[in-house]
Amino acid sequence: MNYLSLIGRSTPLFMEDIQRYQSELKDLVSDARFLVVGGAGSIGQAVVKEIFKRTPKVLHVVDISENNMVELVREIRSSLGYIDGDFRTFAVDCGSLEFDALCKMHGPYDYIFNLSALKHVRSEKDPFTLMRMIDVNIFNTIKTVRVAKSFAAKKYFCVSTDKAANPVNMMGASKRIMEKFLMRESRDQMVSTARFANVAFSDGSLLHGFHQRFAKRQPISAPSDVRRYFVTPQESGELCLLSGMLGENRDIFFPKLSESLHLITFSEIAEKFLKEHGFEPFQCETEDEARVRTTELIKNNKWPCYFFTSDTTGEKDFEEFFTSDEDLDLARFSGIGVIRSSMAYDDHLLNLFEKSIEKVKSRGTWEKNELVEFFSKLIPEFSHKETGRYLDQRM
């Protein structure tokens, strides 16, 4: 599938930077030992492939998804083959005792890439999933960066999100809090991260859902007013690799806005997707109409679509990669901007956040509004957008 044409682009974003630093990246990777956490997700697989093809000494991949890990190995063997280095996968949770034992037995590692995350805005619909988001996005990051520190690792990389800039949802805010904890850890461990746009057709994304609906002969549903930036899976891997290997301490990489990177609506991509598959999009007035007319329309080479105006909780009106008070370096790379993040953080507030979460956990129950309040204390600029509507309430 031609991802670029579907997201309205003709050229890759980071080709010039990858070519410019190809030799340096090859030398750095081929002489190093890597641990990739969350390596079986869409971004994780892209990063693993970028590392693998530069022949590292050791490449160990950890992920809780056994099925995705199987596909990762099959994908690598089918496209890239084999390397002399030690490539292994482990289906364990990075928050577990098994992960600790793995690190003791197979460490030290020179580079730790943490790609694990709860990435969906829909994950804030209930307090239970939301607490898991806090554990995965924040506390597992703290744990794994300290593992890197114990190894005297050359670099710890953790993926962030564009939604961390002026966050309006809990997912973006959790990543902004993660960045603050990383700044504290950067006192004695080299760290870097990256904020980037939606990864086109990544697992669980709306665009990935287009594939699923098409395969199952079901209607396609998408917002018509939400405009987003998109990168391809390969571009997501390249951005993480460049940040992890070439970023300075506390650098946050992001795709530089240019004529190549522009906003596009989900409904536009849906229409392009269907036309590429030989169908004419047919816009239905309601979900019911789309469901009822599916068989009839598909027989006539048309595909039922329901495009709607978004009203869901945490849906940001526009995307941005940085805030007005962040220090930018736009000259270092061709397709990448760099936020030169300071070590600014409030140690008292970080400690208070940790203690507050521990307290409600020990109590055994908690409400979403409590967690929102904890987030707001640590991020005063957090403007939580709550509408009472969630993505699970849509087709």
Foldseek 3Di string as FASTA:
>chain_A
DPLLVLQPFDDAQAPVVCVVCVVVLLVVLQAWAEEEEQLLFLLNLLQLLVSVLSHHQHYEYEEQDPVSVVVSVVVCCVPPNDHPHHYYYDNDHLVDPVVVVCCVVDDDGQEYEYEDADQDLLLLVFPVSLLVRLCGLAVSLLVVQVSCLVRLHNEYEYEAELCLALHQGSRNLSRVLNLLSLLVSLVRHAYEYEYEWAAALTPPDLNVVLVVCVVVLAAREFAPQAKTWYHYSNSSSVQRSCCGSPNTGSKYKYFDDDPRIDIDGPVSSSQVVLVVVQAGEDEDDDNVVQGVCRVVRVVVRHGYYYYHHDDAWRRDNYTDRHDPPFDWDPPPGDGMIITNDHSDADPVLSVVLVVQSVVCVVVPDDGSVSVVVSSCSRPVSHNHGHRPHHPVVDD
